Amino acid sequence: MDLFSRALGALLTSVAGLADDDFGQPSGCAGWLVRDLVCHLVIDAQDVLITLVTPTADPVTHDSVTYWGVAHEPSDDPLSALTVRLAAAYGEPWMLKFHVDDVGQAAVRAAQLADPSLKVSTRNMVLSTADYLGAYVWEWTLHHLDLVLHLPHVAGPPPEPLARCREVLERVAGAFPASWSDEDVLLVGTGRRAPTEAERAELGDLPIPFVLG
């Protein structure tokens, strides 16, 4: 649960430091500009707030890893086009920065106040609050990498969330070369960049990329 706050807090700090021109740059999410990605973060934070106040007595069905569906090709998201239109509707970058910080900081506070043993329901799944927030470490960290992929002057995610996300990916996909950095494992393993010829040889038969969503 601490990693949730650390990952989201770092992401919000990076967004707060963006220049207006940065919002028109491409992100690591195919087809999305940085402004579209930041708008998606608003929706993510709202989902967290909704889920944390949706307790259930039903039995647990998923944990922080199985929360994510696994595929080898990205699927069409019907909300993707809506996100782009919504992002454009903000008009000025400062408005989007204000909104994402407002709901994002609320999500951080809600996570810090949450009972980790409470069960919550979301997307037809039941998780402990601790596992639900743990699942979102993946979301914040991967999108932090998406945010900075074409913005080298912006700080990326902290090392602890990166390490945790590598653990998640390796539980799903298998072990990556130990010499690889956590960031390279996540970028290559999720298809955010293509492996070099040498990296491809090191990977052997590991079937990449993996799409968790």
N, C-alpha and C. Protein backbone atom coordinates (compact mmCIF):
# COMPACT_ATOMS: atom_id res chain seq x y z
N MET A 1 0.83 -1.20 0.00
CA MET A 1 0.00 0.00 0.00
C MET A 1 0.86 1.25 0.00
N ASP A 2 2.02 1.18 0.66
CA ASP A 2 2.94 2.32 0.62
C ASP A 2 3.44 2.57 -0.80
N LEU A 3 3.65 1.47 -1.56
CA LEU A 3 4.13 1.63 -2.93
C LEU A 3 3.09 2.33 -3.80
N PHE A 4 1.81 2.11 -3.52
CA PHE A 4 0.76 2.82 -4.25
C PHE A 4 0.95 4.32 -4.10
N SER A 5 1.09 4.79 -2.89
CA SER A 5 1.24 6.22 -2.64
C SER A 5 2.54 6.76 -3.24
N ARG A 6 3.60 5.95 -3.15
CA ARG A 6 4.88 6.40 -3.69
C ARG A 6 4.83 6.50 -5.21
N ALA A 7 4.22 5.49 -5.85
CA ALA A 7 4.15 5.48 -7.31
C ALA A 7 3.26 6.60 -7.82
N LEU A 8 2.08 6.75 -7.23
CA LEU A 8 1.17 7.80 -7.69
C LEU A 8 1.70 9.18 -7.34
N GLY A 9 2.29 9.34 -6.16
CA GLY A 9 2.84 10.63 -5.78
C GLY A 9 3.93 11.09 -6.74
N ALA A 10 4.81 10.17 -7.12
CA ALA A 10 5.89 10.51 -8.07
C ALA A 10 5.31 10.88 -9.43
N LEU A 11 4.29 10.15 -9.86
CA LEU A 11 3.67 10.44 -11.15
C LEU A 11 3.01 11.81 -11.14
N LEU A 12 2.30 12.14 -10.07
CA LEU A 12 1.66 13.45 -9.98
C LEU A 12 2.70 14.58 -9.96
N THR A 13 3.82 14.35 -9.30
CA THR A 13 4.88 15.36 -9.27
C THR A 13 5.43 15.61 -10.67
N SER A 14 5.62 14.53 -11.44
CA SER A 14 6.13 14.68 -12.81
C SER A 14 5.12 15.42 -13.68
N VAL A 15 3.85 15.09 -13.55
CA VAL A 15 2.83 15.79 -14.34
C VAL A 15 2.79 17.27 -13.97
N ALA A 16 2.90 17.58 -12.68
CA ALA A 16 2.85 18.97 -12.23
C ALA A 16 3.99 19.79 -12.82
N GLY A 17 5.11 19.15 -13.12
CA GLY A 17 6.26 19.86 -13.66
C GLY A 17 6.29 19.98 -15.17
N LEU A 18 5.28 19.45 -15.85
CA LEU A 18 5.26 19.52 -17.31
C LEU A 18 5.07 20.95 -17.80
N ALA A 19 5.77 21.27 -18.86
CA ALA A 19 5.54 22.54 -19.55
C ALA A 19 4.33 22.38 -20.47
N ASP A 20 3.73 23.49 -20.84
CA ASP A 20 2.56 23.43 -21.71
C ASP A 20 2.85 22.67 -23.01
N ASP A 21 4.03 22.90 -23.58
CA ASP A 21 4.38 22.24 -24.84
C ASP A 21 4.49 20.73 -24.69
N ASP A 22 4.78 20.27 -23.48
CA ASP A 22 4.92 18.83 -23.27
C ASP A 22 3.62 18.08 -23.50
N PHE A 23 2.50 18.75 -23.29
CA PHE A 23 1.20 18.08 -23.42
C PHE A 23 0.88 17.69 -24.86
N GLY A 24 1.53 18.34 -25.81
CA GLY A 24 1.31 18.01 -27.22
C GLY A 24 2.27 16.99 -27.76
N GLN A 25 3.16 16.46 -26.93
CA GLN A 25 4.13 15.46 -27.36
C GLN A 25 3.52 14.07 -27.30
N PRO A 26 4.05 13.13 -28.09
CA PRO A 26 3.54 11.76 -28.02
C PRO A 26 3.88 11.11 -26.68
N SER A 27 3.01 10.22 -26.25
CA SER A 27 3.28 9.44 -25.04
C SER A 27 3.66 8.02 -25.44
N GLY A 28 3.90 7.18 -24.46
CA GLY A 28 4.22 5.79 -24.73
C GLY A 28 3.00 4.95 -25.03
N CYS A 29 1.80 5.51 -24.93
CA CYS A 29 0.56 4.81 -25.28
C CYS A 29 0.25 5.10 -26.75
N ALA A 30 0.21 4.07 -27.56
CA ALA A 30 0.03 4.24 -29.00
C ALA A 30 -1.22 5.07 -29.29
N GLY A 31 -1.04 6.13 -30.08
CA GLY A 31 -2.15 6.97 -30.49
C GLY A 31 -2.52 8.07 -29.52
N TRP A 32 -1.85 8.11 -28.37
CA TRP A 32 -2.17 9.11 -27.36
C TRP A 32 -1.05 10.12 -27.22
N LEU A 33 -1.43 11.39 -27.16
CA LEU A 33 -0.50 12.43 -26.75
C LEU A 33 -0.38 12.42 -25.23
N VAL A 34 0.55 13.18 -24.72
CA VAL A 34 0.71 13.28 -23.26
C VAL A 34 -0.58 13.79 -22.62
N ARG A 35 -1.26 14.74 -23.26
CA ARG A 35 -2.50 15.26 -22.67
C ARG A 35 -3.55 14.16 -22.56
N ASP A 36 -3.58 13.24 -23.53
CA ASP A 36 -4.55 12.14 -23.49
C ASP A 36 -4.22 11.19 -22.34
N LEU A 37 -2.94 10.92 -22.16
CA LEU A 37 -2.51 10.06 -21.07
C LEU A 37 -2.86 10.67 -19.72
N VAL A 38 -2.61 11.97 -19.57
CA VAL A 38 -2.92 12.63 -18.30
C VAL A 38 -4.42 12.60 -18.03
N CYS A 39 -5.22 12.76 -19.08
CA CYS A 39 -6.67 12.66 -18.91
C CYS A 39 -7.05 11.25 -18.45
N HIS A 40 -6.41 10.25 -18.99
CA HIS A 40 -6.65 8.87 -18.56
C HIS A 40 -6.32 8.69 -17.09
N LEU A 41 -5.28 9.38 -16.61
CA LEU A 41 -4.91 9.30 -15.19
C LEU A 41 -6.01 9.86 -14.30
N VAL A 42 -6.70 10.90 -14.78
CA VAL A 42 -7.85 11.43 -14.03
C VAL A 42 -8.89 10.34 -13.85
N ILE A 43 -9.19 9.62 -14.93
CA ILE A 43 -10.19 8.55 -14.87
C ILE A 43 -9.73 7.43 -13.96
N ASP A 44 -8.45 7.10 -14.04
CA ASP A 44 -7.89 6.06 -13.15
C ASP A 44 -8.06 6.43 -11.69
N ALA A 45 -7.71 7.66 -11.36
CA ALA A 45 -7.80 8.09 -9.96
C ALA A 45 -9.25 8.08 -9.49
N GLN A 46 -10.17 8.46 -10.35
CA GLN A 46 -11.59 8.41 -10.01
C GLN A 46 -12.02 6.97 -9.76
N ASP A 47 -11.53 6.03 -10.58
CA ASP A 47 -11.86 4.62 -10.39
C ASP A 47 -11.37 4.12 -9.04
N VAL A 48 -10.19 4.55 -8.63
CA VAL A 48 -9.66 4.15 -7.32
C VAL A 48 -10.58 4.66 -6.21
N LEU A 49 -10.97 5.92 -6.29
CA LEU A 49 -11.84 6.49 -5.26
C LEU A 49 -13.18 5.75 -5.21
N ILE A 50 -13.72 5.41 -6.35
CA ILE A 50 -14.99 4.69 -6.39
C ILE A 50 -14.83 3.30 -5.77
N THR A 51 -13.77 2.60 -6.15
CA THR A 51 -13.58 1.23 -5.67
C THR A 51 -13.35 1.18 -4.18
N LEU A 52 -12.62 2.13 -3.64
CA LEU A 52 -12.32 2.12 -2.21
C LEU A 52 -13.57 2.34 -1.35
N VAL A 53 -14.63 2.85 -1.95
CA VAL A 53 -15.89 2.99 -1.20
C VAL A 53 -16.94 2.01 -1.74
N THR A 54 -16.47 0.90 -2.29
CA THR A 54 -17.37 -0.15 -2.78
C THR A 54 -17.00 -1.46 -2.09
N PRO A 55 -17.24 -1.54 -0.77
CA PRO A 55 -16.91 -2.77 -0.04
C PRO A 55 -17.88 -3.90 -0.38
N THR A 56 -17.46 -5.13 -0.11
CA THR A 56 -18.30 -6.29 -0.37
C THR A 56 -17.99 -7.38 0.64
N ALA A 57 -18.97 -8.23 0.88
CA ALA A 57 -18.78 -9.40 1.74
C ALA A 57 -18.50 -10.66 0.91
N ASP A 58 -18.49 -10.53 -0.40
CA ASP A 58 -18.25 -11.68 -1.27
C ASP A 58 -16.81 -12.19 -1.12
N PRO A 59 -16.58 -13.46 -1.45
CA PRO A 59 -15.22 -14.00 -1.32
C PRO A 59 -14.26 -13.39 -2.34
N VAL A 60 -13.00 -13.32 -1.96
CA VAL A 60 -11.95 -12.79 -2.85
C VAL A 60 -11.80 -13.68 -4.07
N THR A 61 -11.71 -13.06 -5.23
CA THR A 61 -11.54 -13.80 -6.49
C THR A 61 -10.21 -13.53 -7.19
N HIS A 62 -9.57 -12.41 -6.86
CA HIS A 62 -8.35 -12.03 -7.55
C HIS A 62 -7.37 -11.39 -6.58
N ASP A 63 -6.09 -11.33 -7.00
CA ASP A 63 -5.07 -10.64 -6.22
C ASP A 63 -4.43 -9.56 -7.08
N SER A 64 -3.32 -8.99 -6.62
CA SER A 64 -2.73 -7.85 -7.31
C SER A 64 -2.14 -8.20 -8.68
N VAL A 65 -1.89 -9.49 -8.92
CA VAL A 65 -1.38 -9.93 -10.23
C VAL A 65 -2.51 -10.39 -11.12
N THR A 66 -3.39 -11.24 -10.60
CA THR A 66 -4.47 -11.78 -11.43
C THR A 66 -5.55 -10.74 -11.75
N TYR A 67 -5.49 -9.60 -11.09
CA TYR A 67 -6.36 -8.48 -11.44
C TYR A 67 -6.21 -8.12 -12.91
N TRP A 68 -4.98 -8.26 -13.42
CA TRP A 68 -4.70 -7.87 -14.79
C TRP A 68 -4.91 -9.03 -15.74
N GLY A 69 -5.63 -8.78 -16.82
CA GLY A 69 -5.74 -9.77 -17.88
C GLY A 69 -4.46 -9.77 -18.70
N VAL A 70 -4.11 -10.92 -19.25
CA VAL A 70 -2.86 -11.08 -19.98
C VAL A 70 -3.14 -11.38 -21.44
N ALA A 71 -2.45 -10.68 -22.33
CA ALA A 71 -2.57 -10.93 -23.77
C ALA A 71 -1.23 -10.62 -24.42
N HIS A 72 -1.09 -11.02 -25.67
CA HIS A 72 0.13 -10.71 -26.42
C HIS A 72 -0.08 -9.64 -27.47
N GLU A 73 -1.32 -9.20 -27.64
CA GLU A 73 -1.64 -8.11 -28.56
C GLU A 73 -2.58 -7.15 -27.86
N PRO A 74 -2.41 -5.84 -28.06
CA PRO A 74 -3.33 -4.88 -27.45
C PRO A 74 -4.74 -5.06 -28.00
N SER A 75 -5.72 -4.88 -27.15
CA SER A 75 -7.10 -4.98 -27.58
C SER A 75 -7.68 -3.58 -27.77
N ASP A 76 -8.74 -3.50 -28.57
CA ASP A 76 -9.39 -2.21 -28.78
C ASP A 76 -10.14 -1.79 -27.52
N ASP A 77 -9.87 -0.59 -27.07
CA ASP A 77 -10.54 -0.06 -25.89
C ASP A 77 -11.58 0.95 -26.36
N PRO A 78 -12.86 0.67 -26.14
CA PRO A 78 -13.89 1.60 -26.63
C PRO A 78 -13.82 2.97 -25.97
N LEU A 79 -13.15 3.06 -24.82
CA LEU A 79 -13.04 4.35 -24.13
C LEU A 79 -11.86 5.17 -24.62
N SER A 80 -11.00 4.58 -25.46
CA SER A 80 -9.79 5.29 -25.89
C SER A 80 -10.13 6.56 -26.66
N ALA A 81 -11.05 6.46 -27.61
CA ALA A 81 -11.42 7.65 -28.39
C ALA A 81 -12.10 8.69 -27.52
N LEU A 82 -12.90 8.22 -26.55
CA LEU A 82 -13.56 9.15 -25.63
C LEU A 82 -12.52 9.92 -24.82
N THR A 83 -11.47 9.22 -24.39
CA THR A 83 -10.41 9.87 -23.60
C THR A 83 -9.76 10.99 -24.40
N VAL A 84 -9.51 10.74 -25.67
CA VAL A 84 -8.88 11.76 -26.52
C VAL A 84 -9.78 12.99 -26.65
N ARG A 85 -11.08 12.77 -26.84
CA ARG A 85 -12.01 13.89 -26.97
C ARG A 85 -12.13 14.66 -25.65
N LEU A 86 -12.15 13.91 -24.56
CA LEU A 86 -12.25 14.56 -23.25
C LEU A 86 -11.00 15.38 -22.96
N ALA A 87 -9.84 14.85 -23.30
CA ALA A 87 -8.59 15.59 -23.07
C ALA A 87 -8.58 16.89 -23.85
N ALA A 88 -9.06 16.85 -25.09
CA ALA A 88 -9.09 18.06 -25.91
C ALA A 88 -10.05 19.10 -25.33
N ALA A 89 -11.10 18.62 -24.66
CA ALA A 89 -12.10 19.54 -24.11
C ALA A 89 -11.55 20.39 -22.97
N TYR A 90 -10.46 19.95 -22.35
CA TYR A 90 -9.88 20.74 -21.26
C TYR A 90 -9.33 22.08 -21.76
N GLY A 91 -8.92 22.10 -23.03
CA GLY A 91 -8.45 23.35 -23.61
C GLY A 91 -7.05 23.72 -23.15
N GLU A 92 -6.92 24.24 -21.95
CA GLU A 92 -5.63 24.70 -21.44
C GLU A 92 -4.98 23.62 -20.57
N PRO A 93 -3.67 23.40 -20.72
CA PRO A 93 -2.98 22.37 -19.93
C PRO A 93 -3.15 22.56 -18.42
N TRP A 94 -3.21 23.81 -17.96
CA TRP A 94 -3.29 24.03 -16.52
C TRP A 94 -4.57 23.45 -15.94
N MET A 95 -5.63 23.43 -16.72
CA MET A 95 -6.88 22.88 -16.23
C MET A 95 -6.76 21.36 -16.02
N LEU A 96 -6.11 20.69 -16.96
CA LEU A 96 -5.91 19.26 -16.85
C LEU A 96 -4.95 18.94 -15.70
N LYS A 97 -3.90 19.74 -15.55
CA LYS A 97 -2.97 19.54 -14.43
C LYS A 97 -3.67 19.71 -13.09
N PHE A 98 -4.53 20.70 -13.01
CA PHE A 98 -5.26 20.93 -11.75
C PHE A 98 -6.16 19.75 -11.43
N HIS A 99 -6.88 19.26 -12.42
CA HIS A 99 -7.85 18.18 -12.17
C HIS A 99 -7.14 16.89 -11.79
N VAL A 100 -6.06 16.54 -12.50
CA VAL A 100 -5.38 15.29 -12.18
C VAL A 100 -4.74 15.37 -10.80
N ASP A 101 -4.23 16.52 -10.43
CA ASP A 101 -3.65 16.65 -9.09
C ASP A 101 -4.74 16.58 -8.02
N ASP A 102 -5.88 17.18 -8.30
CA ASP A 102 -6.98 17.20 -7.34
C ASP A 102 -7.45 15.79 -7.02
N VAL A 103 -7.81 15.03 -8.06
CA VAL A 103 -8.31 13.67 -7.81
C VAL A 103 -7.18 12.71 -7.46
N GLY A 104 -5.99 12.97 -8.01
CA GLY A 104 -4.86 12.10 -7.70
C GLY A 104 -4.45 12.18 -6.24
N GLN A 105 -4.36 13.38 -5.70
CA GLN A 105 -4.01 13.54 -4.30
C GLN A 105 -5.10 12.97 -3.39
N ALA A 106 -6.35 13.08 -3.84
CA ALA A 106 -7.44 12.47 -3.08
C ALA A 106 -7.29 10.96 -3.04
N ALA A 107 -6.87 10.36 -4.15
CA ALA A 107 -6.64 8.92 -4.19
C ALA A 107 -5.50 8.51 -3.27
N VAL A 108 -4.46 9.32 -3.21
CA VAL A 108 -3.35 9.04 -2.28
C VAL A 108 -3.85 9.06 -0.84
N ARG A 109 -4.62 10.08 -0.49
CA ARG A 109 -5.13 10.18 0.88
C ARG A 109 -6.07 9.02 1.20
N ALA A 110 -6.93 8.68 0.25
CA ALA A 110 -7.87 7.58 0.47
C ALA A 110 -7.13 6.26 0.68
N ALA A 111 -6.06 6.05 -0.06
CA ALA A 111 -5.28 4.82 0.09
C ALA A 111 -4.61 4.76 1.46
N GLN A 112 -4.13 5.90 1.91
CA GLN A 112 -3.46 5.93 3.22
C GLN A 112 -4.44 5.67 4.36
N LEU A 113 -5.71 6.01 4.16
CA LEU A 113 -6.73 5.83 5.20
C LEU A 113 -7.44 4.48 5.10
N ALA A 114 -7.22 3.75 4.03
CA ALA A 114 -7.98 2.53 3.77
C ALA A 114 -7.58 1.39 4.70
N ASP A 115 -8.54 0.54 5.00
CA ASP A 115 -8.30 -0.69 5.76
C ASP A 115 -7.79 -1.75 4.79
N PRO A 116 -6.55 -2.21 4.93
CA PRO A 116 -5.99 -3.15 3.94
C PRO A 116 -6.70 -4.49 3.88
N SER A 117 -7.40 -4.85 4.93
CA SER A 117 -8.08 -6.15 4.95
C SER A 117 -9.51 -6.09 4.40
N LEU A 118 -10.02 -4.89 4.18
CA LEU A 118 -11.37 -4.74 3.65
C LEU A 118 -11.42 -5.26 2.22
N LYS A 119 -12.49 -5.96 1.87
CA LYS A 119 -12.66 -6.45 0.51
C LYS A 119 -13.45 -5.44 -0.32
N VAL A 120 -13.00 -5.23 -1.55
CA VAL A 120 -13.66 -4.29 -2.43
C VAL A 120 -14.01 -4.98 -3.74
N SER A 121 -14.99 -4.41 -4.43
CA SER A 121 -15.47 -4.99 -5.69
C SER A 121 -15.24 -4.01 -6.83
N THR A 122 -14.73 -4.52 -7.95
CA THR A 122 -14.51 -3.69 -9.13
C THR A 122 -14.38 -4.60 -10.34
N ARG A 123 -14.94 -4.19 -11.47
CA ARG A 123 -14.81 -4.95 -12.73
C ARG A 123 -15.19 -6.42 -12.56
N ASN A 124 -16.22 -6.69 -11.79
CA ASN A 124 -16.68 -8.05 -11.53
C ASN A 124 -15.63 -8.91 -10.83
N MET A 125 -14.77 -8.25 -10.07
CA MET A 125 -13.75 -8.94 -9.28
C MET A 125 -13.85 -8.49 -7.83
N VAL A 126 -13.36 -9.34 -6.94
CA VAL A 126 -13.28 -8.99 -5.53
C VAL A 126 -11.83 -9.17 -5.08
N LEU A 127 -11.29 -8.14 -4.45
CA LEU A 127 -9.92 -8.16 -3.96
C LEU A 127 -9.88 -7.58 -2.56
N SER A 128 -8.85 -7.92 -1.81
CA SER A 128 -8.59 -7.15 -0.60
C SER A 128 -8.14 -5.76 -1.02
N THR A 129 -8.37 -4.79 -0.17
CA THR A 129 -7.94 -3.43 -0.49
C THR A 129 -6.44 -3.38 -0.75
N ALA A 130 -5.67 -4.13 0.04
CA ALA A 130 -4.22 -4.14 -0.15
C ALA A 130 -3.85 -4.64 -1.54
N ASP A 131 -4.51 -5.72 -2.00
CA ASP A 131 -4.20 -6.24 -3.33
C ASP A 131 -4.68 -5.30 -4.43
N TYR A 132 -5.83 -4.67 -4.22
CA TYR A 132 -6.32 -3.73 -5.22
C TYR A 132 -5.34 -2.57 -5.40
N LEU A 133 -4.90 -2.00 -4.30
CA LEU A 133 -3.94 -0.90 -4.39
C LEU A 133 -2.60 -1.38 -4.93
N GLY A 134 -2.23 -2.61 -4.59
CA GLY A 134 -1.01 -3.19 -5.14
C GLY A 134 -1.09 -3.34 -6.65
N ALA A 135 -2.27 -3.69 -7.15
CA ALA A 135 -2.44 -3.81 -8.60
C ALA A 135 -2.21 -2.48 -9.29
N TYR A 136 -2.59 -1.40 -8.63
CA TYR A 136 -2.45 -0.08 -9.24
C TYR A 136 -1.02 0.45 -9.24
N VAL A 137 -0.13 -0.19 -8.51
CA VAL A 137 1.28 0.17 -8.64
C VAL A 137 1.73 -0.06 -10.07
N TRP A 138 1.24 -1.16 -10.66
CA TRP A 138 1.53 -1.44 -12.08
C TRP A 138 1.01 -0.31 -12.96
N GLU A 139 -0.22 0.09 -12.77
CA GLU A 139 -0.85 1.12 -13.60
C GLU A 139 -0.08 2.44 -13.53
N TRP A 140 0.21 2.88 -12.30
CA TRP A 140 0.89 4.17 -12.16
C TRP A 140 2.30 4.12 -12.74
N THR A 141 3.01 3.04 -12.49
CA THR A 141 4.41 2.96 -12.91
C THR A 141 4.54 2.84 -14.42
N LEU A 142 3.72 1.97 -15.04
CA LEU A 142 3.79 1.84 -16.50
C LEU A 142 3.38 3.14 -17.18
N HIS A 143 2.36 3.80 -16.65
CA HIS A 143 1.97 5.07 -17.26
C HIS A 143 2.98 6.18 -16.97
N HIS A 144 3.72 6.07 -15.90
CA HIS A 144 4.81 7.02 -15.66
C HIS A 144 5.88 6.85 -16.75
N LEU A 145 6.18 5.59 -17.08
CA LEU A 145 7.11 5.34 -18.18
C LEU A 145 6.55 5.88 -19.49
N ASP A 146 5.24 5.71 -19.70
CA ASP A 146 4.60 6.26 -20.91
C ASP A 146 4.72 7.78 -20.95
N LEU A 147 4.57 8.41 -19.80
CA LEU A 147 4.62 9.86 -19.72
C LEU A 147 5.98 10.40 -20.17
N VAL A 148 7.04 9.76 -19.75
CA VAL A 148 8.38 10.31 -19.96
C VAL A 148 9.09 9.71 -21.18
N LEU A 149 8.43 8.79 -21.89
CA LEU A 149 9.12 8.08 -22.97
C LEU A 149 9.73 9.02 -23.99
N HIS A 150 9.05 10.12 -24.31
CA HIS A 150 9.56 11.11 -25.26
C HIS A 150 9.85 12.44 -24.59
N LEU A 151 9.94 12.42 -23.27
CA LEU A 151 10.24 13.63 -22.49
C LEU A 151 11.42 13.34 -21.56
N PRO A 152 12.63 13.25 -22.09
CA PRO A 152 13.77 12.85 -21.27
C PRO A 152 14.12 13.81 -20.14
N HIS A 153 13.57 15.02 -20.20
CA HIS A 153 13.85 16.00 -19.15
C HIS A 153 12.93 15.83 -17.95
N VAL A 154 11.95 14.94 -18.03
CA VAL A 154 11.00 14.73 -16.94
C VAL A 154 11.40 13.49 -16.15
N ALA A 155 11.32 13.59 -14.83
CA ALA A 155 11.72 12.47 -13.98
C ALA A 155 10.80 11.28 -14.16
N GLY A 156 11.38 10.09 -14.19
CA GLY A 156 10.62 8.86 -14.33
C GLY A 156 10.22 8.29 -12.99
N PRO A 157 9.70 7.06 -12.98
CA PRO A 157 9.21 6.45 -11.74
C PRO A 157 10.34 6.08 -10.80
N PRO A 158 10.06 6.04 -9.49
CA PRO A 158 11.08 5.68 -8.49
C PRO A 158 11.49 4.21 -8.63
N PRO A 159 12.63 3.83 -8.07
CA PRO A 159 13.12 2.45 -8.23
C PRO A 159 12.25 1.40 -7.58
N GLU A 160 11.64 1.70 -6.43
CA GLU A 160 10.86 0.66 -5.73
C GLU A 160 9.65 0.20 -6.54
N PRO A 161 8.82 1.12 -7.06
CA PRO A 161 7.71 0.66 -7.91
C PRO A 161 8.20 -0.06 -9.17
N LEU A 162 9.30 0.39 -9.76
CA LEU A 162 9.83 -0.29 -10.93
C LEU A 162 10.18 -1.74 -10.60
N ALA A 163 10.83 -1.94 -9.46
CA ALA A 163 11.20 -3.29 -9.05
C ALA A 163 9.97 -4.16 -8.82
N ARG A 164 8.94 -3.58 -8.20
CA ARG A 164 7.72 -4.33 -7.95
C ARG A 164 7.05 -4.72 -9.27
N CYS A 165 7.02 -3.82 -10.23
CA CYS A 165 6.40 -4.12 -11.51
C CYS A 165 7.19 -5.19 -12.28
N ARG A 166 8.48 -5.18 -12.13
CA ARG A 166 9.27 -6.25 -12.75
C ARG A 166 8.89 -7.60 -12.15
N GLU A 167 8.70 -7.63 -10.83
CA GLU A 167 8.28 -8.87 -10.18
C GLU A 167 6.95 -9.36 -10.75
N VAL A 168 6.02 -8.43 -10.94
CA VAL A 168 4.70 -8.79 -11.49
C VAL A 168 4.86 -9.37 -12.89
N LEU A 169 5.62 -8.69 -13.74
CA LEU A 169 5.78 -9.15 -15.12
C LEU A 169 6.47 -10.51 -15.17
N GLU A 170 7.46 -10.71 -14.32
CA GLU A 170 8.18 -11.98 -14.34
C GLU A 170 7.33 -13.12 -13.78
N ARG A 171 6.39 -12.81 -12.91
CA ARG A 171 5.45 -13.84 -12.46
C ARG A 171 4.55 -14.29 -13.59
N VAL A 172 4.27 -13.38 -14.51
CA VAL A 172 3.40 -13.70 -15.64
C VAL A 172 4.19 -14.29 -16.80
N ALA A 173 5.32 -13.68 -17.12
CA ALA A 173 6.04 -14.00 -18.35
C ALA A 173 7.23 -14.93 -18.16
N GLY A 174 7.76 -14.99 -16.95
CA GLY A 174 9.01 -15.70 -16.73
C GLY A 174 10.15 -14.73 -16.53
N ALA A 175 11.30 -15.24 -16.14
CA ALA A 175 12.43 -14.39 -15.78
C ALA A 175 13.09 -13.75 -16.99
N PHE A 176 13.39 -12.48 -16.85
CA PHE A 176 14.18 -11.76 -17.83
C PHE A 176 15.65 -11.82 -17.41
N PRO A 177 16.58 -11.51 -18.32
CA PRO A 177 17.99 -11.53 -17.94
C PRO A 177 18.27 -10.67 -16.71
N ALA A 178 19.01 -11.22 -15.76
CA ALA A 178 19.26 -10.52 -14.50
C ALA A 178 20.03 -9.22 -14.71
N SER A 179 20.80 -9.14 -15.79
CA SER A 179 21.60 -7.94 -16.05
C SER A 179 20.77 -6.76 -16.55
N TRP A 180 19.54 -7.03 -16.95
CA TRP A 180 18.70 -5.95 -17.47
C TRP A 180 18.19 -5.06 -16.34
N SER A 181 18.08 -3.78 -16.61
CA SER A 181 17.48 -2.88 -15.63
C SER A 181 15.99 -3.14 -15.56
N ASP A 182 15.38 -2.75 -14.44
CA ASP A 182 13.93 -2.91 -14.30
C ASP A 182 13.18 -2.15 -15.39
N GLU A 183 13.67 -0.97 -15.70
CA GLU A 183 13.00 -0.16 -16.72
C GLU A 183 13.04 -0.84 -18.08
N ASP A 184 14.20 -1.40 -18.45
CA ASP A 184 14.31 -2.09 -19.74
C ASP A 184 13.41 -3.32 -19.78
N VAL A 185 13.33 -4.05 -18.67
CA VAL A 185 12.45 -5.22 -18.62
C VAL A 185 11.01 -4.80 -18.90
N LEU A 186 10.56 -3.71 -18.29
CA LEU A 186 9.18 -3.27 -18.45
C LEU A 186 8.94 -2.70 -19.85
N LEU A 187 9.86 -1.93 -20.37
CA LEU A 187 9.67 -1.35 -21.69
C LEU A 187 9.64 -2.41 -22.78
N VAL A 188 10.58 -3.34 -22.72
CA VAL A 188 10.64 -4.40 -23.73
C VAL A 188 9.55 -5.43 -23.50
N GLY A 189 9.35 -5.80 -22.23
CA GLY A 189 8.39 -6.84 -21.91
C GLY A 189 6.95 -6.47 -22.22
N THR A 190 6.64 -5.18 -22.22
CA THR A 190 5.28 -4.74 -22.53
C THR A 190 5.17 -4.12 -23.93
N GLY A 191 6.24 -4.23 -24.71
CA GLY A 191 6.18 -3.75 -26.09
C GLY A 191 6.31 -2.26 -26.25
N ARG A 192 6.78 -1.57 -25.23
CA ARG A 192 6.93 -0.12 -25.34
C ARG A 192 8.17 0.26 -26.13
N ARG A 193 9.10 -0.63 -26.25
CA ARG A 193 10.18 -0.49 -27.22
C ARG A 193 10.58 -1.88 -27.69
N ALA A 194 11.11 -1.93 -28.89
CA ALA A 194 11.54 -3.21 -29.45
C ALA A 194 12.90 -3.59 -28.87
N PRO A 195 13.14 -4.87 -28.62
CA PRO A 195 14.47 -5.28 -28.14
C PRO A 195 15.51 -5.11 -29.24
N THR A 196 16.72 -4.82 -28.83
CA THR A 196 17.83 -4.82 -29.78
C THR A 196 18.11 -6.26 -30.21
N GLU A 197 18.92 -6.41 -31.22
CA GLU A 197 19.27 -7.77 -31.68
C GLU A 197 19.92 -8.57 -30.57
N ALA A 198 20.80 -7.91 -29.80
CA ALA A 198 21.48 -8.60 -28.70
C ALA A 198 20.48 -8.97 -27.60
N GLU A 199 19.56 -8.06 -27.31
CA GLU A 199 18.55 -8.34 -26.28
C GLU A 199 17.64 -9.48 -26.71
N ARG A 200 17.27 -9.50 -28.01
CA ARG A 200 16.41 -10.57 -28.52
C ARG A 200 17.07 -11.92 -28.33
N ALA A 201 18.38 -11.97 -28.57
CA ALA A 201 19.13 -13.22 -28.39
C ALA A 201 19.13 -13.64 -26.93
N GLU A 202 19.25 -12.67 -26.01
CA GLU A 202 19.23 -12.98 -24.59
C GLU A 202 17.87 -13.49 -24.12
N LEU A 203 16.83 -13.02 -24.77
CA LEU A 203 15.48 -13.40 -24.37
C LEU A 203 15.14 -14.84 -24.74
N GLY A 204 15.81 -15.36 -25.76
CA GLY A 204 15.54 -16.73 -26.16
C GLY A 204 14.11 -16.90 -26.64
N ASP A 205 13.40 -17.85 -26.06
CA ASP A 205 12.04 -18.17 -26.50
C ASP A 205 10.97 -17.43 -25.69
N LEU A 206 11.36 -16.48 -24.88
CA LEU A 206 10.38 -15.76 -24.08
C LEU A 206 9.41 -15.02 -25.00
N PRO A 207 8.11 -15.33 -24.91
CA PRO A 207 7.15 -14.74 -25.84
C PRO A 207 6.75 -13.33 -25.43
N ILE A 208 7.36 -12.32 -26.02
CA ILE A 208 7.04 -10.94 -25.69
C ILE A 208 6.45 -10.29 -26.95
N PRO A 209 5.72 -9.17 -26.76
CA PRO A 209 5.42 -8.50 -25.51
C PRO A 209 4.21 -9.09 -24.79
N PHE A 210 4.09 -8.75 -23.52
CA PHE A 210 2.92 -9.08 -22.73
C PHE A 210 2.11 -7.82 -22.49
N VAL A 211 0.82 -7.92 -22.68
CA VAL A 211 -0.07 -6.79 -22.44
C VAL A 211 -0.91 -7.12 -21.22
N LEU A 212 -0.76 -6.33 -20.17
CA LEU A 212 -1.56 -6.51 -18.96
C LEU A 212 -2.52 -5.35 -18.88
N GLY A 213 -3.80 -5.66 -18.81
CA GLY A 213 -4.76 -4.59 -18.75
C GLY A 213 -6.13 -5.10 -18.37
